[in-house]
N, C-alpha and C. Protein backbone atom coordinates (compact mmCIF):
# COMPACT_ATOMS: atom_id res chain seq x y z
N MET A 1 57.31 -18.99 48.96
CA MET A 1 57.95 -20.17 47.56
C MET A 1 56.36 -20.64 47.18
N ALA A 2 55.57 -20.78 47.87
CA ALA A 2 54.62 -21.08 47.92
C ALA A 2 53.38 -20.47 46.90
N ARG A 3 53.14 -19.24 47.01
CA ARG A 3 52.35 -18.73 46.04
C ARG A 3 53.60 -18.23 44.98
N LEU A 4 55.53 -18.75 44.13
CA LEU A 4 55.21 -19.01 43.50
C LEU A 4 55.58 -20.35 42.59
N SER A 5 55.25 -21.34 43.78
CA SER A 5 54.47 -22.54 43.01
C SER A 5 52.74 -22.38 42.01
N ILE A 6 52.55 -21.31 42.17
CA ILE A 6 50.78 -21.53 41.51
C ILE A 6 51.07 -19.38 40.99
N LEU A 7 51.57 -19.06 40.52
CA LEU A 7 51.34 -17.43 40.12
C LEU A 7 53.03 -18.35 38.62
N VAL A 8 53.77 -19.25 39.07
CA VAL A 8 54.56 -19.95 37.66
C VAL A 8 52.95 -20.63 36.92
N PRO A 9 52.95 -21.54 37.18
CA PRO A 9 51.71 -21.63 36.16
C PRO A 9 50.32 -20.53 36.21
N GLU A 10 49.91 -19.52 36.80
CA GLU A 10 49.10 -19.70 35.89
C GLU A 10 49.74 -18.15 35.32
N LEU A 11 50.82 -18.07 35.16
CA LEU A 11 51.54 -17.25 34.01
C LEU A 11 51.51 -17.88 32.80
N ALA A 12 52.16 -19.44 33.38
CA ALA A 12 52.06 -20.04 31.72
C ALA A 12 50.31 -20.18 30.68
N PHE A 13 49.39 -20.53 32.21
CA PHE A 13 48.57 -20.71 31.85
C PHE A 13 48.02 -19.80 31.15
N ARG A 14 48.50 -18.59 31.24
CA ARG A 14 47.66 -17.56 30.08
C ARG A 14 48.65 -16.86 29.67
N ALA A 15 49.70 -17.16 29.28
CA ALA A 15 50.81 -17.20 27.85
C ALA A 15 49.91 -18.76 27.03
N ALA A 16 50.01 -19.90 27.50
CA ALA A 16 49.02 -20.60 26.76
C ALA A 16 48.05 -20.41 26.05
N GLY A 17 46.95 -19.84 27.03
CA GLY A 17 45.96 -19.59 26.44
C GLY A 17 45.37 -18.85 25.67
N LEU A 18 46.78 -17.41 25.97
CA LEU A 18 46.91 -16.47 24.89
C LEU A 18 47.05 -17.10 23.14
N PHE A 19 48.64 -17.96 23.69
CA PHE A 19 49.37 -17.85 22.31
C PHE A 19 48.32 -19.27 21.51
N LEU A 20 47.46 -19.60 21.75
CA LEU A 20 46.40 -20.23 21.40
C LEU A 20 45.08 -19.63 20.77
N THR A 21 44.87 -18.67 21.69
CA THR A 21 43.68 -18.08 20.82
C THR A 21 44.67 -16.70 19.57
N VAL A 22 45.83 -16.68 19.55
CA VAL A 22 46.00 -15.83 18.81
C VAL A 22 47.29 -17.15 17.55
N PHE A 23 47.27 -17.93 18.07
CA PHE A 23 47.72 -19.38 16.56
C PHE A 23 45.95 -19.16 15.78
N ALA A 24 44.76 -19.46 16.83
CA ALA A 24 43.94 -20.28 15.79
C ALA A 24 43.50 -19.37 14.71
N LEU A 25 43.20 -18.23 15.48
CA LEU A 25 43.02 -17.03 14.68
C LEU A 25 43.77 -16.45 13.15
N TRP A 26 45.26 -16.66 13.77
CA TRP A 26 46.19 -16.47 12.70
C TRP A 26 45.68 -17.31 11.73
N ASN A 27 45.56 -18.91 11.86
CA ASN A 27 45.88 -19.82 11.55
C ASN A 27 44.33 -20.28 10.35
N VAL A 28 43.68 -19.46 11.08
CA VAL A 28 42.35 -19.20 9.61
C VAL A 28 42.51 -18.80 8.52
N VAL A 29 43.87 -17.27 8.76
CA VAL A 29 44.20 -16.76 7.72
C VAL A 29 45.46 -17.38 7.14
N ASN A 30 45.99 -18.05 7.31
CA ASN A 30 47.63 -18.76 6.96
C ASN A 30 47.58 -20.45 7.83
N PRO A 31 46.88 -20.89 6.87
CA PRO A 31 47.24 -22.03 7.94
C PRO A 31 48.35 -23.12 7.04
N LEU A 32 48.76 -23.66 8.38
CA LEU A 32 49.56 -24.52 8.28
C LEU A 32 49.77 -25.64 8.21
N ASP A 33 50.95 -26.14 7.86
CA ASP A 33 50.28 -28.02 7.51
C ASP A 33 49.55 -28.64 8.42
N PRO A 34 48.65 -29.59 8.09
CA PRO A 34 47.33 -30.06 9.07
C PRO A 34 48.98 -31.12 10.18
N LEU A 35 49.98 -31.96 9.73
CA LEU A 35 50.67 -32.25 10.44
C LEU A 35 51.56 -31.53 11.44
N ILE A 36 51.62 -30.33 11.21
CA ILE A 36 51.89 -30.06 12.61
C ILE A 36 51.14 -28.29 13.37
N GLU A 37 50.15 -28.57 12.32
CA GLU A 37 49.06 -27.15 13.44
C GLU A 37 47.94 -28.61 14.03
N ARG A 38 47.74 -29.62 13.17
CA ARG A 38 46.87 -30.85 15.09
C ARG A 38 47.46 -30.66 16.38
N PRO A 39 48.49 -30.99 16.33
CA PRO A 39 49.48 -31.53 17.47
C PRO A 39 50.08 -30.27 18.22
N LEU A 40 50.11 -29.06 17.29
CA LEU A 40 50.51 -28.25 17.69
C LEU A 40 49.35 -27.42 18.65
N PHE A 41 47.72 -27.75 18.15
CA PHE A 41 46.77 -27.41 19.33
C PHE A 41 46.63 -28.69 19.44
N VAL A 42 46.50 -29.76 20.16
CA VAL A 42 45.59 -30.22 20.98
C VAL A 42 47.10 -30.94 21.90
N GLY A 43 47.84 -30.22 21.49
CA GLY A 43 49.15 -30.17 22.04
C GLY A 43 49.17 -29.08 23.32
N LEU A 44 49.06 -27.83 23.10
CA LEU A 44 48.82 -26.82 24.11
C LEU A 44 46.87 -26.91 24.78
N LEU A 45 45.66 -27.48 24.27
CA LEU A 45 44.97 -27.34 24.76
C LEU A 45 45.09 -28.87 25.90
N VAL A 46 46.37 -29.76 25.66
CA VAL A 46 46.51 -30.23 26.37
C VAL A 46 47.01 -29.74 28.10
N VAL A 47 47.98 -29.55 27.27
CA VAL A 47 48.62 -28.38 28.13
C VAL A 47 48.42 -27.37 29.26
N ILE A 48 47.13 -26.98 28.87
CA ILE A 48 46.37 -25.63 29.39
C ILE A 48 45.50 -26.15 29.85
N VAL A 49 44.36 -27.43 30.32
CA VAL A 49 44.45 -28.94 31.29
C VAL A 49 45.34 -29.26 32.55
N TYR A 50 46.44 -29.31 31.76
CA TYR A 50 46.96 -30.06 33.58
C TYR A 50 47.80 -28.32 34.16
N LEU A 51 47.71 -27.76 32.91
CA LEU A 51 48.22 -26.47 33.78
C LEU A 51 47.41 -25.96 34.91
N GLN A 52 46.33 -26.05 34.28
CA GLN A 52 44.94 -25.41 35.36
C GLN A 52 45.05 -26.11 36.76
N SER A 53 44.76 -27.72 36.17
CA SER A 53 44.87 -27.93 37.70
C SER A 53 46.69 -27.79 38.45
N LEU A 54 47.66 -27.44 37.57
CA LEU A 54 49.43 -26.72 38.91
C LEU A 54 48.57 -25.49 39.35
N MET A 55 47.13 -25.12 38.88
CA MET A 55 47.70 -24.05 39.87
C MET A 55 46.44 -24.29 40.97
N ASN A 56 45.23 -24.86 41.50
CA ASN A 56 45.04 -25.24 42.58
C ASN A 56 46.22 -24.94 43.58
N PRO A 57 45.99 -24.48 44.72
CA PRO A 57 46.74 -24.03 45.74
C PRO A 57 46.27 -24.94 46.71
N GLY A 58 45.73 -25.51 46.35
CA GLY A 58 45.35 -27.46 47.40
C GLY A 58 46.03 -28.62 47.85
N ARG A 59 46.47 -28.82 45.82
CA ARG A 59 46.58 -29.84 45.08
C ARG A 59 48.41 -30.27 45.83
N SER A 60 48.49 -31.84 46.63
CA SER A 60 49.06 -31.89 47.14
C SER A 60 51.11 -32.58 46.57
N PRO A 61 52.06 -31.85 45.62
CA PRO A 61 53.47 -31.68 45.93
C PRO A 61 53.48 -33.41 44.76
N LEU A 62 52.59 -34.01 45.60
CA LEU A 62 52.97 -35.60 44.86
C LEU A 62 52.24 -35.42 43.47
N LEU A 63 50.69 -34.97 44.23
CA LEU A 63 49.75 -34.29 42.31
C LEU A 63 50.03 -33.42 41.33
N ARG A 64 50.88 -32.14 42.61
CA ARG A 64 51.58 -31.57 40.97
C ARG A 64 52.75 -32.11 40.45
N SER A 65 53.55 -32.54 41.59
CA SER A 65 54.75 -33.91 40.28
C SER A 65 53.61 -34.35 39.22
N VAL A 66 52.96 -34.85 39.15
CA VAL A 66 52.86 -35.55 38.41
C VAL A 66 51.82 -35.25 37.30
N ASP A 67 51.25 -33.76 37.67
CA ASP A 67 50.90 -33.04 36.09
C ASP A 67 52.03 -32.88 35.10
N LEU A 68 52.75 -32.18 36.76
CA LEU A 68 54.37 -31.61 35.41
C LEU A 68 55.38 -33.32 34.47
N VAL A 69 54.99 -34.03 34.94
CA VAL A 69 55.56 -35.14 33.62
C VAL A 69 54.81 -35.13 33.13
N LEU A 70 53.40 -34.78 33.60
CA LEU A 70 52.28 -34.90 31.82
C LEU A 70 52.53 -34.44 31.46
N ILE A 71 52.05 -33.30 31.92
CA ILE A 71 53.61 -30.80 30.61
C ILE A 71 54.40 -31.93 29.61
N LEU A 72 55.22 -32.73 30.43
CA LEU A 72 56.66 -32.55 30.01
C LEU A 72 56.42 -33.52 29.06
N GLY A 73 55.49 -35.27 28.72
CA GLY A 73 55.25 -36.33 28.54
C GLY A 73 54.18 -35.29 26.93
N THR A 74 53.37 -34.51 27.31
CA THR A 74 52.91 -34.21 25.87
C THR A 74 53.46 -33.60 25.56
N VAL A 75 54.62 -32.11 25.71
CA VAL A 75 55.71 -31.70 24.66
C VAL A 75 56.26 -32.59 24.10
N ALA A 76 56.28 -33.60 24.49
CA ALA A 76 57.56 -34.12 24.09
C ALA A 76 57.50 -34.91 23.72
N SER A 77 55.93 -35.61 23.49
CA SER A 77 55.30 -36.38 22.13
C SER A 77 54.45 -35.72 20.97
N TYR A 78 54.03 -34.68 21.69
CA TYR A 78 52.68 -33.57 20.34
C TYR A 78 54.38 -32.30 19.50
N GLY A 79 56.01 -32.42 20.57
CA GLY A 79 56.71 -31.63 19.77
C GLY A 79 57.65 -33.01 18.71
N TYR A 80 57.73 -34.04 18.79
CA TYR A 80 58.34 -35.32 17.86
C TYR A 80 57.42 -35.19 16.48
N VAL A 81 56.07 -35.28 17.24
CA VAL A 81 55.47 -35.26 15.56
C VAL A 81 55.10 -33.40 15.07
N ILE A 82 55.49 -32.37 15.68
CA ILE A 82 55.40 -31.22 15.20
C ILE A 82 57.66 -31.19 15.06
N TRP A 83 58.08 -31.97 15.45
CA TRP A 83 60.11 -31.75 13.93
C TRP A 83 59.84 -32.68 13.64
N ASN A 84 58.91 -34.26 13.70
CA ASN A 84 59.96 -34.61 12.14
C ASN A 84 57.63 -34.78 11.25
N ALA A 85 57.68 -33.49 11.42
CA ALA A 85 55.86 -33.78 10.13
C ALA A 85 57.01 -34.10 8.52
N ASP A 86 57.41 -33.93 8.36
CA ASP A 86 57.87 -34.41 7.11
C ASP A 86 58.27 -35.34 6.57
N VAL A 87 58.32 -36.70 7.77
CA VAL A 87 57.81 -37.17 7.82
C VAL A 87 57.36 -38.57 8.00
N MET A 88 56.65 -38.19 9.14
CA MET A 88 55.30 -38.72 10.54
C MET A 88 54.20 -39.13 9.04
N GLU A 89 53.80 -38.77 7.27
CA GLU A 89 52.87 -39.47 6.66
C GLU A 89 53.54 -41.34 6.47
N ASP A 90 54.82 -41.16 6.88
CA ASP A 90 55.73 -42.40 6.39
C ASP A 90 55.37 -43.00 6.95
N LEU A 91 55.89 -42.58 8.57
CA LEU A 91 55.93 -42.98 9.42
C LEU A 91 54.71 -44.28 10.14
N SER A 92 53.30 -43.59 9.15
CA SER A 92 52.41 -44.71 10.17
C SER A 92 52.43 -46.12 9.85
N LEU A 93 52.57 -46.60 8.11
CA LEU A 93 53.34 -47.68 8.65
C LEU A 93 54.67 -48.17 8.95
N PHE A 94 55.55 -47.47 9.19
CA PHE A 94 56.72 -48.60 9.84
C PHE A 94 57.34 -47.16 10.96
N MET A 95 56.32 -47.77 12.41
CA MET A 95 57.09 -46.87 13.21
C MET A 95 58.05 -47.21 14.00
N PRO A 96 59.16 -46.36 14.08
CA PRO A 96 60.63 -46.31 14.95
C PRO A 96 59.55 -46.84 16.38
N THR A 97 61.04 -47.10 17.85
CA THR A 97 60.34 -47.35 18.85
C THR A 97 60.40 -45.92 19.09
N GLU A 98 61.44 -45.51 19.06
CA GLU A 98 60.09 -43.91 19.54
C GLU A 98 59.30 -43.63 19.72
N ALA A 99 58.30 -43.07 18.82
CA ALA A 99 57.56 -43.14 17.98
C ALA A 99 56.46 -44.22 18.26
N LEU A 100 56.80 -44.68 18.84
CA LEU A 100 55.64 -46.28 19.13
C LEU A 100 55.05 -46.03 21.20
N VAL A 101 56.47 -45.30 21.77
CA VAL A 101 56.68 -45.17 22.97
C VAL A 101 55.94 -43.79 23.41
N LEU A 102 56.17 -42.25 22.07
CA LEU A 102 55.52 -41.38 21.99
C LEU A 102 54.44 -41.11 21.55
N GLY A 103 53.69 -41.70 20.75
CA GLY A 103 52.85 -41.97 20.69
C GLY A 103 51.54 -42.67 21.53
N PHE A 104 52.10 -44.11 22.53
CA PHE A 104 51.89 -44.53 23.51
C PHE A 104 51.28 -43.44 24.79
N VAL A 105 52.69 -42.59 24.69
CA VAL A 105 52.11 -41.37 26.41
C VAL A 105 51.58 -39.82 25.42
N ALA A 106 51.62 -39.48 24.52
CA ALA A 106 50.70 -39.32 23.94
C ALA A 106 48.93 -39.81 24.32
N ILE A 107 49.09 -40.56 24.45
CA ILE A 107 47.22 -41.48 24.36
C ILE A 107 46.87 -41.17 25.76
N VAL A 108 47.89 -41.44 26.42
CA VAL A 108 48.49 -41.63 27.29
C VAL A 108 47.61 -40.35 28.23
N THR A 109 47.87 -39.15 27.89
CA THR A 109 48.75 -37.85 27.75
C THR A 109 46.55 -37.15 27.86
N ILE A 110 46.69 -37.90 26.88
CA ILE A 110 45.09 -36.75 26.29
C ILE A 110 43.86 -37.68 26.02
N LEU A 111 44.15 -39.36 27.09
CA LEU A 111 42.59 -39.85 27.36
C LEU A 111 43.00 -38.90 28.94
N GLU A 112 44.43 -38.98 30.04
CA GLU A 112 43.94 -38.34 30.98
C GLU A 112 43.11 -36.73 31.15
N ALA A 113 43.77 -35.79 30.11
CA ALA A 113 42.67 -35.02 30.04
C ALA A 113 41.35 -34.86 29.55
N THR A 114 40.88 -35.39 28.90
CA THR A 114 39.94 -35.95 28.42
C THR A 114 39.16 -36.25 30.07
N ARG A 115 39.79 -37.06 30.61
CA ARG A 115 39.39 -37.25 32.07
C ARG A 115 39.11 -36.55 32.87
N ARG A 116 40.22 -35.45 32.91
CA ARG A 116 39.76 -34.58 33.24
C ARG A 116 38.45 -33.11 33.06
N SER A 117 39.13 -32.57 31.86
CA SER A 117 37.84 -31.68 31.81
C SER A 117 35.91 -32.33 30.73
N MET A 118 36.14 -34.11 30.57
CA MET A 118 34.93 -34.21 30.50
C MET A 118 34.42 -34.86 31.31
N GLY A 119 35.68 -35.60 32.57
CA GLY A 119 34.60 -36.66 33.33
C GLY A 119 35.00 -38.14 32.56
N TRP A 120 34.51 -38.66 33.84
CA TRP A 120 34.77 -40.10 33.55
C TRP A 120 34.52 -41.00 31.78
N ALA A 121 32.48 -40.89 31.44
CA ALA A 121 32.54 -41.60 30.77
C ALA A 121 32.94 -41.19 29.02
N LEU A 122 33.25 -39.97 28.43
CA LEU A 122 33.44 -40.04 27.50
C LEU A 122 35.96 -40.74 27.52
N THR A 123 35.91 -41.03 28.48
CA THR A 123 36.70 -40.76 28.69
C THR A 123 36.98 -42.89 28.43
N VAL A 124 35.98 -43.76 29.27
CA VAL A 124 36.08 -45.03 29.02
C VAL A 124 35.75 -45.24 27.82
N LEU A 125 34.79 -44.79 27.25
CA LEU A 125 34.12 -44.78 26.07
C LEU A 125 35.10 -44.77 24.82
N VAL A 126 36.17 -43.93 24.70
CA VAL A 126 38.07 -43.75 24.32
C VAL A 126 38.17 -45.21 24.86
N ALA A 127 38.60 -45.61 25.86
CA ALA A 127 40.09 -46.70 26.28
C ALA A 127 39.11 -46.94 26.09
N ALA A 128 37.61 -48.27 25.80
CA ALA A 128 36.86 -49.45 25.52
C ALA A 128 36.96 -49.19 23.91
N PHE A 129 37.22 -48.55 23.21
CA PHE A 129 37.46 -48.56 21.13
C PHE A 129 38.51 -48.79 20.74
N ILE A 130 39.49 -48.10 22.33
CA ILE A 130 40.87 -48.54 21.43
C ILE A 130 40.58 -50.22 21.77
N VAL A 131 40.59 -50.12 23.76
CA VAL A 131 40.86 -52.16 23.36
C VAL A 131 40.29 -52.68 22.41
N TYR A 132 39.31 -52.26 22.81
CA TYR A 132 38.47 -53.08 21.02
C TYR A 132 39.16 -53.45 19.20
N ILE A 133 39.95 -52.09 18.97
CA ILE A 133 40.02 -52.25 17.72
C ILE A 133 41.81 -53.56 18.20
N TYR A 134 41.95 -52.91 19.36
CA TYR A 134 43.16 -53.81 19.76
C TYR A 134 43.07 -55.56 19.82
N PHE A 135 41.67 -55.95 20.38
CA PHE A 135 41.89 -57.38 20.87
C PHE A 135 40.20 -57.68 20.45
N GLY A 136 39.54 -57.03 18.95
CA GLY A 136 38.40 -56.65 18.86
C GLY A 136 38.78 -58.97 17.75
N GLU A 137 39.89 -59.03 17.14
CA GLU A 137 40.37 -59.54 16.65
C GLU A 137 39.48 -61.41 17.64
N ASN A 138 39.55 -61.42 19.00
CA ASN A 138 39.26 -62.58 19.16
C ASN A 138 37.40 -62.57 19.52
N LEU A 139 37.43 -62.23 18.98
CA LEU A 139 35.87 -61.45 19.07
C LEU A 139 35.42 -62.28 17.64
N PRO A 140 33.64 -62.92 18.15
CA PRO A 140 33.64 -63.61 16.46
C PRO A 140 33.05 -62.14 16.09
N GLY A 141 32.02 -63.43 15.18
CA GLY A 141 32.00 -61.34 13.59
C GLY A 141 30.42 -61.45 14.00
N TRP A 142 30.05 -62.32 15.12
CA TRP A 142 28.25 -61.39 15.42
C TRP A 142 28.02 -60.52 15.97
N LEU A 143 29.82 -60.74 17.10
CA LEU A 143 29.60 -59.64 17.70
C LEU A 143 30.90 -58.35 17.99
N GLY A 144 31.16 -58.58 16.63
CA GLY A 144 31.81 -56.76 16.33
C GLY A 144 32.38 -57.51 16.04
N GLY A 145 33.52 -58.69 16.05
CA GLY A 145 34.59 -59.31 15.85
C GLY A 145 35.59 -58.84 14.03
N HIS A 146 36.33 -58.13 14.07
CA HIS A 146 37.20 -58.28 12.53
C HIS A 146 38.31 -58.62 12.90
N VAL A 147 39.51 -58.18 11.65
CA VAL A 147 40.74 -59.23 10.90
C VAL A 147 42.12 -59.12 12.32
N GLY A 148 41.74 -58.00 12.58
CA GLY A 148 41.93 -57.12 14.04
C GLY A 148 43.53 -57.09 13.51
N PHE A 149 44.58 -55.93 14.19
CA PHE A 149 45.21 -54.71 14.24
C PHE A 149 45.48 -54.95 15.44
N GLY A 150 47.70 -54.39 14.64
CA GLY A 150 48.69 -54.76 15.99
C GLY A 150 49.10 -53.29 16.65
N GLY A 151 49.78 -53.29 17.03
CA GLY A 151 50.02 -52.11 17.70
C GLY A 151 50.34 -51.26 17.24
N GLU A 152 52.14 -51.30 16.49
CA GLU A 152 52.35 -51.11 15.22
C GLU A 152 51.13 -49.72 14.08
N ARG A 153 50.08 -50.56 13.37
CA ARG A 153 48.95 -49.66 12.78
C ARG A 153 48.20 -49.53 13.15
N ILE A 154 47.12 -50.13 14.92
CA ILE A 154 47.19 -48.72 15.42
C ILE A 154 47.27 -47.85 16.38
N MET A 155 48.33 -47.87 16.42
CA MET A 155 49.66 -45.83 16.94
C MET A 155 50.01 -45.12 15.78
N GLY A 156 49.75 -46.27 14.25
CA GLY A 156 49.95 -45.40 13.27
C GLY A 156 48.99 -44.46 13.41
N ASN A 157 48.00 -45.21 13.68
CA ASN A 157 46.84 -44.18 12.92
C ASN A 157 46.48 -42.78 14.06
N LEU A 158 46.48 -43.75 15.56
CA LEU A 158 46.27 -42.28 16.02
C LEU A 158 47.04 -41.50 16.22
N TYR A 159 48.20 -41.79 16.30
CA TYR A 159 49.87 -40.88 16.18
C TYR A 159 49.85 -40.23 15.08
């Protein structure tokens, strides 16, 4: 059973990598709509990062479960964008609750994938900028304060 728990993620990892390669090459010749192409590409990359962690035989069952939840969150959040690509441009002005929640999930999953692949430095930097966007209205102007952006507007631009 332990071997199977490593074999399945390894096969999924190889399949996702092969699909990503074929998709990238095919997309050069026959580009998709950016609202389909970008979330598909980024979502696949993030899933590959988590599958790589699942292939570690020494990983505890709890951490493997966390990896699976992160994979499901990635598929759900980026799948939502792909599935609703025709209306996503309009959602940047008014986002329904499920889009806000899935946008938050997408940000968390990509930050965790960034931490796993690039380390803490870039992850902390990106998180600091997101915090600045949200709380920058509380800073004085000489310290880089701005008029402020609400959560919905931030999510509309990031997601």
